[in-house]
Amino acid sequence: MTNAAQYQRSVRRVLIGIMVLNLIVTAIKFFVGALTGSIAVLADAFNALVDSSSNVIGLLGIHAASQPPNPDHPYGHRKYETIATLGIAGLMLLVGWEVLRDIVDRLRGGAIPTLSIESLVLILLTLPLNMFIVSYEGRRGRELGSDVLVADATGTRVNIFVSLSALIGLIGSQFGLPWLDVVVAVGIVIYVVRTAGRILRETSDVLTDSVVADPHLVEDVARGVPGVWNASQVRSRGRDDDVHLDLNIKVDPAMATEQAHAIASEVERQLKEQVPGLVDAVVHIEPGSQAPLSEWDAIAVRLRAIADGLGLGVHNIHVNVVPEGYSVDIDVEVNAAFSLFTSHDLVSQFEARARIELPRLREIFTHIEPMLPGTLVVPMTGPEAGALRATIMRIGDEVCGPGASHNVMLRRSRTSNAIDASLHCSLPGDSAVVAAHLVAEQLERRLRTELPLLDHITIHVEPPGAKDE
C-alpha cells in the first residue's frame, strides 16, 4: 500500500469513528428532548445532526481525493480534500452567524435564558464526549497532516464553546448577570471568524497554486547533481503532502541527448528524496552557455545539435586542424533496426548539414555504429565516480600543469565494465597546436596506463581564458 493510500485509509477511519461519536451525541440529545418534551432540546438535537454533516463532507472529500489521476485530472484529485476542508470552514461560519444573530436578538431585548434541569443534564452528558472528540480528532489530524481532520475538530470545538456559553448564560441569569452569555458569545464569534479565516486562507493558497516548495532548496538539490551547471525558474503547486514542481536546469551544450536526459532523471530522483511531500517533478533541460565558447566547443555543440535533429547519436568527436579549416572524425550512432541503406542515407544527411552549417569544415569522417536498446550511456555519480574523477584530475595536472584539469565527465561505457571519460585541460594560449596535441596524447597514454578501466577518452585542450565556469 502506498503512503497516499495509507494516509487516506487512516483519515477515513478517524472520520467514521468521529461520525459515530457525533451520532451518539445527537441520539443523547434526541433522547433527552423526547423524555422531557423540551422543544429547545429537540432543536439542539437537530442542530447536532446538521453538525455531523461535516463528517460526511470530509468522507466525500477523502473518497474523491483517493481517485487516481485520469485524463481530466492529470495531477490527481488531492484538491478535493482541500475543497472538503473549505466546506467545513463554511459550516463553522454558519455556526458563528447563528451565534451572532442570538447576540443581536438579546441586545434588542430578547428573552433572558432560564436554567432548566433538561438543559443542564444535556450539557453535562455531551460535553465530555465532545471534548474527547476534539482532543482525539485534533491529535490524529496533526499526526497525519490532515486539513480535514483538523478543521473538523475545530468545528466541534466551536460547538463546545457554544454549549459552555449557554451554560454560563444560564448560570449568569440565576445570579443577576444576564449579560454574561452575551460577552462569552462575542468571544465565540471572534474565535470562529479568526479560525475559519485561517482555514479559508490556507485552502485558498492550495486552490490558487501558491508556492508550496522552497525554491532555494530545490535549486540547491538540482545544482548538487554532477553535470548541472545551474537551476532556475522553480515553480511548485499543490499541498504540503502532494507537491508538484517543475524547474529548468542548464547543462553542457555539447552533452549528448541521452546523457542530458539521464542527468534530468537523477535530478528528479534526488528531489523526491530531499523535498518533503514531492510526488512529481518535471525537469526542463536547457543548453548552458560558456563565455567565450571556444571554436572547438562550438563545433562539437553544432554537430550534436545536427545529430539530434536527425535522431542520431554522436560521440568520440575529434577535431583536427587542416589548411584553412578543420577536419572532424566522429562516431555516429543509428538505430540498430535500420538497414545499411537507411543508416547510410541518414549519416550522409548529417555530413551534408554539417558542411553547410560549419563553413570552415573541410573534411568529415564518420563511423556508423548501431544504437542498441538498453545501452544508452549514463553519467557516473557517487563515491566511486568522485574518487575516479579526483585521480584523473591529478594525472591531468601532472601532465598539463597544476590546476589545468577541469570539467571531468564520467559515463558508463557501451563496453561492458568500462568507463568513458572526457576532460578539459588548460595550456598556455601561445602554445602551438602541434605541441598542445602532443600534450593531449601524452595525457591519454598516462590515463590508459594507470587506469585500464577507461575505454573512450576525450581530451580537450584550451587556453586559460576558455576555462568553463
Protein backbone atom coordinates (compact mmCIF):
# COMPACT_ATOMS: atom_id res chain seq x y z
CA MET A 1 0.00 0.00 0.00
CA THR A 2 1.37 3.42 -0.96
CA ASN A 3 1.82 6.23 1.54
CA ALA A 4 -1.08 8.15 -0.05
CA ALA A 5 -3.39 5.13 0.26
CA GLN A 6 -2.36 4.60 3.89
CA TYR A 7 -3.00 8.26 4.65
CA GLN A 8 -6.46 8.23 3.08
CA ARG A 9 -7.37 4.98 4.82
CA SER A 10 -6.29 6.36 8.21
CA VAL A 11 -8.22 9.62 7.72
CA ARG A 12 -11.30 7.68 6.61
CA ARG A 13 -11.18 5.52 9.73
CA VAL A 14 -10.89 8.54 12.01
CA LEU A 15 -13.79 10.31 10.28
CA ILE A 16 -16.03 7.27 10.52
CA GLY A 17 -15.21 6.87 14.22
CA ILE A 18 -15.88 10.56 14.90
CA MET A 19 -19.14 10.40 12.96
CA VAL A 20 -20.30 7.51 15.14
CA LEU A 21 -19.48 9.52 18.28
CA ASN A 22 -21.29 12.58 16.90
CA LEU A 23 -24.33 10.45 16.18
CA ILE A 24 -24.19 9.21 19.78
CA VAL A 25 -24.22 12.83 20.97
CA THR A 26 -27.17 13.52 18.67
CA ALA A 27 -29.01 10.44 19.98
CA ILE A 28 -28.50 11.60 23.57
CA LYS A 29 -29.99 14.99 22.75
CA PHE A 30 -32.97 13.43 20.98
CA PHE A 31 -33.49 11.07 23.92
CA VAL A 32 -33.43 13.89 26.49
CA GLY A 33 -35.71 16.00 24.30
CA ALA A 34 -38.21 13.20 23.84
CA LEU A 35 -38.09 12.33 27.53
CA THR A 36 -38.65 15.89 28.73
CA GLY A 37 -40.70 17.21 25.83
CA SER A 38 -38.38 20.23 25.65
CA ILE A 39 -38.62 21.95 22.27
CA ALA A 40 -35.28 23.70 22.89
CA VAL A 41 -33.51 20.40 23.49
CA LEU A 42 -35.05 18.83 20.38
CA ALA A 43 -33.93 21.85 18.33
CA ASP A 44 -30.41 21.40 19.71
CA ALA A 45 -30.56 17.74 18.66
CA PHE A 46 -31.41 18.71 15.09
CA ASN A 47 -28.53 21.20 15.15
CA ALA A 48 -26.21 18.40 16.30
CA LEU A 49 -27.43 16.25 13.40
CA VAL A 50 -26.61 19.04 10.99
CA ASP A 51 -23.18 19.38 12.62
CA SER A 52 -22.49 15.70 11.85
CA SER A 53 -22.71 16.62 8.18
CA SER A 54 -19.13 17.93 8.40
CA ASN A 55 -18.02 14.32 8.86
CA VAL A 56 -19.94 13.36 5.73
CA ILE A 57 -18.31 16.24 3.81
CA GLY A 58 -14.90 15.03 5.00
CA LEU A 59 -15.60 11.43 3.94
CA LEU A 60 -16.80 12.53 0.50
CA GLY A 61 -13.72 14.72 0.10
CA ILE A 62 -11.33 11.90 1.08
CA HIS A 63 -13.11 9.47 -1.25
CA ALA A 64 -12.79 11.89 -4.18
CA ALA A 65 -9.16 12.68 -3.31
CA SER A 66 -8.26 8.97 -3.32
CA GLN A 67 -9.12 8.55 -7.01
CA PRO A 68 -6.08 8.05 -9.28
CA PRO A 69 -5.08 10.59 -11.95
CA ASN A 70 -7.03 10.46 -15.21
CA PRO A 71 -7.05 12.42 -18.48
CA ASP A 72 -9.32 15.07 -16.96
CA HIS A 73 -7.24 15.34 -13.76
CA PRO A 74 -3.64 14.53 -14.73
CA TYR A 75 -2.33 15.91 -11.42
CA GLY A 76 -4.68 13.68 -9.39
CA HIS A 77 -7.65 14.58 -7.17
CA ARG A 78 -6.00 15.60 -3.89
CA LYS A 79 -7.52 19.09 -4.05
CA TYR A 80 -10.93 17.57 -3.32
CA GLU A 81 -9.73 17.14 0.26
CA THR A 82 -8.94 20.86 0.29
CA ILE A 83 -12.42 21.61 -1.07
CA ALA A 84 -13.92 19.47 1.73
CA THR A 85 -11.91 21.47 4.27
CA LEU A 86 -13.31 24.63 2.71
CA GLY A 87 -16.85 23.25 3.18
CA ILE A 88 -16.22 22.52 6.86
CA ALA A 89 -14.97 26.08 7.34
CA GLY A 90 -18.22 27.26 5.75
CA LEU A 91 -20.24 25.29 8.31
CA MET A 92 -18.20 26.91 11.08
CA LEU A 93 -19.10 30.34 9.72
CA LEU A 94 -22.80 29.34 9.73
CA VAL A 95 -22.50 28.46 13.42
CA GLY A 96 -20.83 31.81 14.06
CA TRP A 97 -23.63 33.54 12.16
CA GLU A 98 -26.28 31.85 14.31
CA VAL A 99 -24.47 32.91 17.48
CA LEU A 100 -24.21 36.48 16.14
CA ARG A 101 -27.95 36.53 15.45
CA ASP A 102 -28.62 35.41 19.02
CA ILE A 103 -26.42 38.23 20.30
CA VAL A 104 -28.34 40.80 18.23
CA ASP A 105 -31.67 39.41 19.46
CA ARG A 106 -30.54 39.69 23.07
CA LEU A 107 -29.33 43.24 22.60
CA ARG A 108 -32.71 44.13 21.11
CA GLY A 109 -34.46 42.93 24.24
CA GLY A 110 -34.82 39.21 23.58
CA ALA A 111 -35.72 36.74 26.27
CA ILE A 112 -33.18 36.10 29.01
CA PRO A 113 -32.23 32.39 29.23
CA THR A 114 -33.55 30.41 32.17
CA LEU A 115 -31.93 27.39 33.72
CA SER A 116 -33.72 24.07 33.23
CA ILE A 117 -32.75 20.69 34.53
CA GLU A 118 -33.00 19.26 31.00
CA SER A 119 -30.52 21.76 29.60
CA LEU A 120 -28.12 21.19 32.44
CA VAL A 121 -28.27 17.39 32.12
CA LEU A 122 -27.84 17.62 28.35
CA ILE A 123 -24.73 19.79 28.61
CA LEU A 124 -23.18 17.63 31.32
CA LEU A 125 -23.84 14.44 29.32
CA THR A 126 -22.49 15.60 25.95
CA LEU A 127 -19.69 17.96 26.95
CA PRO A 128 -17.14 15.25 27.98
CA LEU A 129 -17.84 13.28 24.79
CA ASN A 130 -17.36 16.37 22.61
CA MET A 131 -14.13 17.21 24.43
CA PHE A 132 -12.83 13.71 23.69
CA ILE A 133 -13.77 14.13 20.01
CA VAL A 134 -11.87 17.41 19.78
CA SER A 135 -8.80 16.00 21.53
CA TYR A 136 -8.62 12.76 19.56
CA GLU A 137 -9.52 14.14 16.12
CA GLY A 138 -7.20 17.14 16.50
CA ARG A 139 -4.28 14.95 17.60
CA ARG A 140 -4.79 12.46 14.73
CA GLY A 141 -5.19 15.33 12.27
CA ARG A 142 -1.83 16.80 13.31
CA GLU A 143 -0.14 13.37 13.22
CA LEU A 144 -1.45 12.62 9.73
CA GLY A 145 -1.15 16.18 8.45
CA SER A 146 -4.84 16.14 7.51
CA ASP A 147 -6.51 19.53 6.99
CA VAL A 148 -9.94 17.88 7.01
CA LEU A 149 -9.50 16.31 10.46
CA VAL A 150 -8.02 19.48 11.97
CA ALA A 151 -10.83 21.62 10.54
CA ASP A 152 -13.49 19.14 11.68
CA ALA A 153 -12.03 19.07 15.20
CA THR A 154 -12.06 22.87 15.23
CA GLY A 155 -15.75 22.84 14.26
CA THR A 156 -16.53 20.53 17.17
CA ARG A 157 -14.54 22.82 19.47
CA VAL A 158 -16.80 25.69 18.40
CA ASN A 159 -19.83 23.59 19.40
CA ILE A 160 -18.26 23.02 22.81
CA PHE A 161 -17.79 26.75 23.23
CA VAL A 162 -21.43 27.32 22.27
CA SER A 163 -22.56 24.78 24.87
CA LEU A 164 -20.33 26.38 27.51
CA SER A 165 -21.68 29.78 26.54
CA ALA A 166 -25.21 28.51 27.09
CA LEU A 167 -24.24 27.04 30.45
CA ILE A 168 -22.52 30.27 31.52
CA GLY A 169 -25.56 32.26 30.38
CA LEU A 170 -27.92 30.05 32.34
CA ILE A 171 -25.81 30.34 35.47
CA GLY A 172 -25.37 34.10 34.97
CA SER A 173 -29.12 34.63 34.72
CA GLN A 174 -29.57 32.96 38.09
CA PHE A 175 -27.08 35.35 39.70
CA GLY A 176 -28.43 38.52 38.14
CA LEU A 177 -25.82 38.69 35.34
CA PRO A 178 -27.91 38.29 32.16
CA TRP A 179 -25.24 39.97 30.01
CA LEU A 180 -22.61 37.33 30.81
CA ASP A 181 -23.57 34.96 27.99
CA VAL A 182 -23.50 37.87 25.51
CA VAL A 183 -19.87 38.59 26.40
CA VAL A 184 -18.96 34.92 26.03
CA ALA A 185 -20.88 34.68 22.74
CA VAL A 186 -18.97 37.67 21.32
CA GLY A 187 -15.73 35.85 22.15
CA ILE A 188 -17.02 32.76 20.33
CA VAL A 189 -17.87 34.78 17.21
CA ILE A 190 -14.38 36.31 17.19
CA TYR A 191 -12.81 32.83 17.56
CA VAL A 192 -14.96 31.42 14.75
CA VAL A 193 -14.13 34.27 12.37
CA ARG A 194 -10.41 34.07 13.05
CA THR A 195 -10.25 30.27 12.82
CA ALA A 196 -12.46 30.00 9.73
CA GLY A 197 -10.50 32.85 8.15
CA ARG A 198 -7.23 30.99 8.70
CA ILE A 199 -8.68 27.82 7.13
CA LEU A 200 -10.05 29.79 4.19
CA ARG A 201 -6.67 31.45 3.65
CA GLU A 202 -4.78 28.13 3.75
CA THR A 203 -7.21 26.34 1.43
CA SER A 204 -7.20 29.30 -0.96
CA ASP A 205 -3.40 29.08 -1.15
CA VAL A 206 -3.73 25.48 -2.32
CA LEU A 207 -6.57 26.13 -4.76
CA THR A 208 -4.81 29.14 -6.31
CA ASP A 209 -1.49 27.26 -6.70
CA SER A 210 0.59 29.25 -4.24
CA VAL A 211 4.25 28.25 -3.80
CA VAL A 212 4.47 25.11 -1.69
CA ALA A 213 8.15 24.06 -2.00
CA ASP A 214 11.16 26.15 -1.02
CA PRO A 215 12.69 27.21 -4.38
CA HIS A 216 16.12 27.69 -2.80
CA LEU A 217 16.12 24.09 -1.52
CA VAL A 218 15.06 22.81 -4.96
CA GLU A 219 17.81 24.79 -6.69
CA ASP A 220 20.46 23.59 -4.21
CA VAL A 221 19.47 19.94 -4.70
CA ALA A 222 19.50 20.28 -8.50
CA ARG A 223 22.88 22.04 -8.57
CA GLY A 224 24.33 19.24 -6.46
CA VAL A 225 23.83 16.73 -9.30
CA PRO A 226 27.01 16.28 -11.38
CA GLY A 227 26.64 17.82 -14.82
CA VAL A 228 24.12 20.50 -13.77
CA TRP A 229 25.54 23.97 -14.35
CA ASN A 230 22.61 25.92 -12.96
CA ALA A 231 18.98 25.57 -11.86
CA SER A 232 16.31 28.26 -12.09
CA GLN A 233 12.61 29.10 -12.60
CA VAL A 234 11.37 26.75 -9.90
CA ARG A 235 7.57 26.54 -9.82
CA SER A 236 5.56 24.47 -7.35
CA ARG A 237 1.90 23.85 -6.59
CA GLY A 238 -0.35 21.55 -4.59
CA ARG A 239 -0.48 20.68 -0.88
CA ASP A 240 2.30 20.12 1.65
CA ASP A 241 1.89 16.36 1.18
CA ASP A 242 1.18 16.46 -2.57
CA VAL A 243 3.79 18.74 -4.13
CA HIS A 244 4.17 19.10 -7.90
CA LEU A 245 7.02 21.19 -9.26
CA ASP A 246 8.96 21.96 -12.39
CA LEU A 247 12.28 23.70 -12.93
CA ASN A 248 14.88 24.47 -15.58
CA ILE A 249 18.43 23.16 -15.47
CA LYS A 250 21.36 24.14 -17.66
CA VAL A 251 23.85 21.52 -18.85
CA ASP A 252 26.87 21.45 -21.13
CA PRO A 253 25.60 22.33 -24.64
CA ALA A 254 27.97 19.72 -26.08
CA MET A 255 26.36 16.98 -23.98
CA ALA A 256 24.65 14.09 -25.77
CA THR A 257 20.86 13.96 -25.53
CA GLU A 258 20.76 10.67 -23.65
CA GLN A 259 23.29 11.93 -21.12
CA ALA A 260 21.31 15.13 -20.53
CA HIS A 261 18.19 13.01 -20.04
CA ALA A 262 19.99 10.81 -17.53
CA ILE A 263 21.08 13.90 -15.57
CA ALA A 264 17.50 15.19 -15.54
CA SER A 265 16.31 11.81 -14.22
CA GLU A 266 18.91 11.98 -11.45
CA VAL A 267 17.72 15.49 -10.52
CA GLU A 268 14.14 14.17 -10.26
CA ARG A 269 15.25 11.24 -8.09
CA GLN A 270 17.20 13.40 -5.65
CA LEU A 271 14.40 15.96 -5.45
CA LYS A 272 11.92 13.25 -4.47
CA GLU A 273 14.32 12.14 -1.74
CA GLN A 274 15.01 15.60 -0.31
CA VAL A 275 11.93 17.76 -0.91
CA PRO A 276 9.16 16.92 1.61
CA GLY A 277 5.86 15.82 0.09
CA LEU A 278 7.12 15.82 -3.52
CA VAL A 279 5.19 13.41 -5.75
CA ASP A 280 6.12 14.71 -9.20
CA ALA A 281 8.91 16.82 -10.70
CA VAL A 282 9.33 17.93 -14.29
CA VAL A 283 12.88 18.95 -15.22
CA HIS A 284 13.34 21.10 -18.33
CA ILE A 285 16.80 20.83 -19.89
CA GLU A 286 18.42 23.90 -21.42
CA PRO A 287 21.85 24.27 -23.02
CA GLY A 288 24.21 26.29 -20.89
CA SER A 289 26.49 28.91 -22.35
CA GLN A 290 30.20 29.49 -21.95
CA ALA A 291 31.73 32.90 -22.39
CA PRO A 292 33.62 32.77 -24.57
CA LEU A 293 32.79 29.40 -26.15
CA SER A 294 35.92 28.06 -27.81
CA GLU A 295 35.77 27.33 -31.51
CA TRP A 296 36.31 23.63 -30.93
CA ASP A 297 33.49 23.51 -28.38
CA ALA A 298 31.25 25.38 -30.82
CA ILE A 299 31.94 22.73 -33.49
CA ALA A 300 31.03 19.92 -31.08
CA VAL A 301 27.84 21.68 -29.97
CA ARG A 302 26.74 22.27 -33.55
CA LEU A 303 27.44 18.67 -34.60
CA ARG A 304 25.43 17.30 -31.65
CA ALA A 305 22.54 19.62 -32.49
CA ILE A 306 22.51 18.44 -36.11
CA ALA A 307 22.59 14.80 -34.97
CA ASP A 308 19.73 15.37 -32.51
CA GLY A 309 17.60 16.81 -35.29
CA LEU A 310 18.09 13.63 -37.35
CA GLY A 311 17.53 11.24 -34.45
CA LEU A 312 21.20 10.24 -34.37
CA GLY A 313 23.70 10.00 -31.58
CA VAL A 314 27.35 11.06 -31.76
CA HIS A 315 30.44 10.50 -29.63
CA ASN A 316 34.23 10.47 -29.91
CA ILE A 317 34.34 13.81 -31.71
CA HIS A 318 37.91 14.60 -32.77
CA VAL A 319 38.62 17.97 -34.37
CA ASN A 320 41.93 18.34 -36.23
CA VAL A 321 43.44 21.42 -37.83
CA VAL A 322 43.95 21.31 -41.61
CA PRO A 323 44.87 24.10 -44.04
CA GLU A 324 42.18 26.80 -43.99
CA GLY A 325 39.88 24.89 -41.64
CA TYR A 326 39.16 21.74 -39.68
CA SER A 327 38.87 18.01 -40.19
CA VAL A 328 36.46 16.04 -37.98
CA ASP A 329 36.46 12.35 -37.07
CA ILE A 330 33.21 11.30 -35.40
CA ASP A 331 31.31 8.15 -34.43
CA VAL A 332 27.63 8.33 -35.42
CA GLU A 333 25.05 6.10 -33.75
CA VAL A 334 21.97 4.94 -35.68
CA ASN A 335 19.01 2.79 -34.73
CA ALA A 336 20.15 -0.84 -34.77
CA ALA A 337 16.91 -1.82 -36.57
CA PHE A 338 17.73 0.34 -39.60
CA SER A 339 19.10 -1.16 -42.80
CA LEU A 340 22.54 -0.15 -44.07
CA PHE A 341 20.88 1.83 -46.87
CA THR A 342 18.73 3.85 -44.41
CA SER A 343 21.64 4.31 -41.99
CA HIS A 344 23.98 5.49 -44.73
CA ASP A 345 21.36 7.92 -46.05
CA LEU A 346 20.87 9.47 -42.57
CA VAL A 347 24.60 9.80 -41.97
CA SER A 348 25.03 11.36 -45.44
CA GLN A 349 22.37 13.93 -44.50
CA PHE A 350 24.27 14.58 -41.28
CA GLU A 351 27.51 15.16 -43.19
CA ALA A 352 25.81 17.45 -45.70
CA ARG A 353 24.21 19.61 -42.99
CA ALA A 354 27.48 19.77 -41.07
CA ARG A 355 29.28 21.14 -44.16
CA ILE A 356 26.56 23.78 -44.65
CA GLU A 357 26.44 24.95 -41.03
CA LEU A 358 30.22 24.81 -40.45
CA PRO A 359 31.80 26.71 -43.36
CA ARG A 360 35.37 26.01 -42.19
CA LEU A 361 34.75 22.24 -42.10
CA ARG A 362 36.98 20.82 -44.85
CA GLU A 363 36.73 17.09 -44.12
CA ILE A 364 34.36 14.93 -42.07
CA PHE A 365 34.93 11.21 -41.50
CA THR A 366 32.03 9.30 -39.94
CA HIS A 367 31.96 5.85 -38.41
CA ILE A 368 28.50 4.28 -38.24
CA GLU A 369 27.67 2.39 -35.03
CA PRO A 370 24.40 0.66 -34.07
CA MET A 371 22.49 2.21 -31.17
CA LEU A 372 21.31 -0.87 -29.32
CA PRO A 373 18.29 -0.77 -26.98
CA GLY A 374 19.23 -0.53 -23.34
CA THR A 375 22.79 0.62 -23.96
CA LEU A 376 22.38 4.36 -23.52
CA VAL A 377 25.31 5.85 -21.68
CA VAL A 378 24.58 7.42 -18.29
CA PRO A 379 26.74 9.67 -16.15
CA MET A 380 28.52 8.16 -13.17
CA THR A 381 27.71 9.51 -9.72
CA GLY A 382 28.54 8.63 -6.15
CA PRO A 383 31.77 7.92 -4.22
CA GLU A 384 33.27 5.72 -6.97
CA ALA A 385 32.87 8.49 -9.54
CA GLY A 386 34.28 11.08 -7.15
CA ALA A 387 37.41 9.05 -6.47
CA LEU A 388 37.98 8.31 -10.16
CA ARG A 389 37.42 11.96 -11.09
CA ALA A 390 40.00 13.02 -8.50
CA THR A 391 42.55 10.57 -9.89
CA ILE A 392 42.02 11.76 -13.46
CA MET A 393 42.42 15.40 -12.41
CA ARG A 394 45.62 14.53 -10.52
CA ILE A 395 47.14 12.86 -13.58
CA GLY A 396 45.95 15.71 -15.79
CA ASP A 397 47.56 18.30 -13.54
CA GLU A 398 50.83 16.33 -13.51
CA VAL A 399 50.93 16.33 -17.31
CA CYS A 400 49.41 19.74 -18.13
CA GLY A 401 50.37 21.71 -15.03
CA PRO A 402 48.85 22.46 -11.61
CA GLY A 403 45.15 23.36 -11.79
CA ALA A 404 44.96 22.74 -15.52
CA SER A 405 42.42 19.89 -15.42
CA HIS A 406 38.70 20.63 -15.09
CA ASN A 407 35.24 19.64 -16.32
CA VAL A 408 35.81 15.90 -15.94
CA MET A 409 32.78 13.89 -17.14
CA LEU A 410 32.45 10.14 -16.50
CA ARG A 411 29.96 7.82 -18.18
CA ARG A 412 29.37 4.09 -18.22
CA SER A 413 30.74 2.83 -21.49
CA ARG A 414 28.92 0.76 -24.04
CA THR A 415 31.71 -1.74 -23.48
CA SER A 416 30.97 -3.96 -20.50
CA ASN A 417 32.64 -2.96 -17.20
CA ALA A 418 34.37 0.02 -18.81
CA ILE A 419 34.09 3.77 -18.39
CA ASP A 420 34.20 6.66 -20.86
CA ALA A 421 35.93 9.84 -19.70
CA SER A 422 36.26 13.34 -21.03
CA LEU A 423 38.11 16.31 -19.58
CA HIS A 424 39.39 19.75 -20.41
CA CYS A 425 42.99 20.86 -19.83
CA SER A 426 44.23 24.43 -19.92
CA LEU A 427 47.54 25.13 -21.66
CA PRO A 428 49.29 28.45 -22.33
CA GLY A 429 47.43 30.36 -25.02
CA ASP A 430 50.59 30.86 -27.10
CA SER A 431 51.28 27.12 -27.30
CA ALA A 432 51.50 25.73 -30.82
CA VAL A 433 48.61 23.50 -31.83
CA VAL A 434 51.04 20.65 -32.55
CA ALA A 435 52.54 20.98 -29.07
CA ALA A 436 49.07 21.01 -27.48
CA HIS A 437 48.14 17.88 -29.43
CA LEU A 438 51.29 16.11 -28.21
CA VAL A 439 50.43 17.00 -24.60
CA ALA A 440 46.93 15.59 -25.06
CA GLU A 441 48.38 12.35 -26.45
CA GLN A 442 50.81 12.10 -23.53
CA LEU A 443 47.95 12.60 -21.08
CA GLU A 444 45.84 9.96 -22.81
CA ARG A 445 48.72 7.43 -22.62
CA ARG A 446 49.17 8.13 -18.90
CA LEU A 447 45.45 7.67 -18.26
CA ARG A 448 45.28 4.40 -20.19
CA THR A 449 48.39 3.08 -18.40
CA GLU A 450 47.26 3.96 -14.87
CA LEU A 451 43.51 3.49 -15.36
CA PRO A 452 42.96 0.46 -17.63
CA LEU A 453 39.18 0.53 -16.90
CA LEU A 454 38.86 3.60 -19.16
CA ASP A 455 37.50 2.88 -22.64
CA HIS A 456 36.94 6.07 -24.66
CA ILE A 457 38.99 9.09 -23.54
CA THR A 458 38.28 12.55 -24.94
CA ILE A 459 40.72 15.34 -24.03
CA HIS A 460 40.03 18.94 -24.96
CA VAL A 461 42.95 21.35 -24.61
CA GLU A 462 42.17 25.05 -24.44
CA PRO A 463 43.71 28.39 -23.41
CA PRO A 464 43.10 29.53 -19.82
CA GLY A 465 40.59 32.18 -20.89
CA ALA A 466 38.23 29.49 -22.23
CA LYS A 467 38.02 27.60 -18.92
CA ASP A 468 34.43 26.63 -18.08
CA GLU A 469 32.71 28.46 -15.24
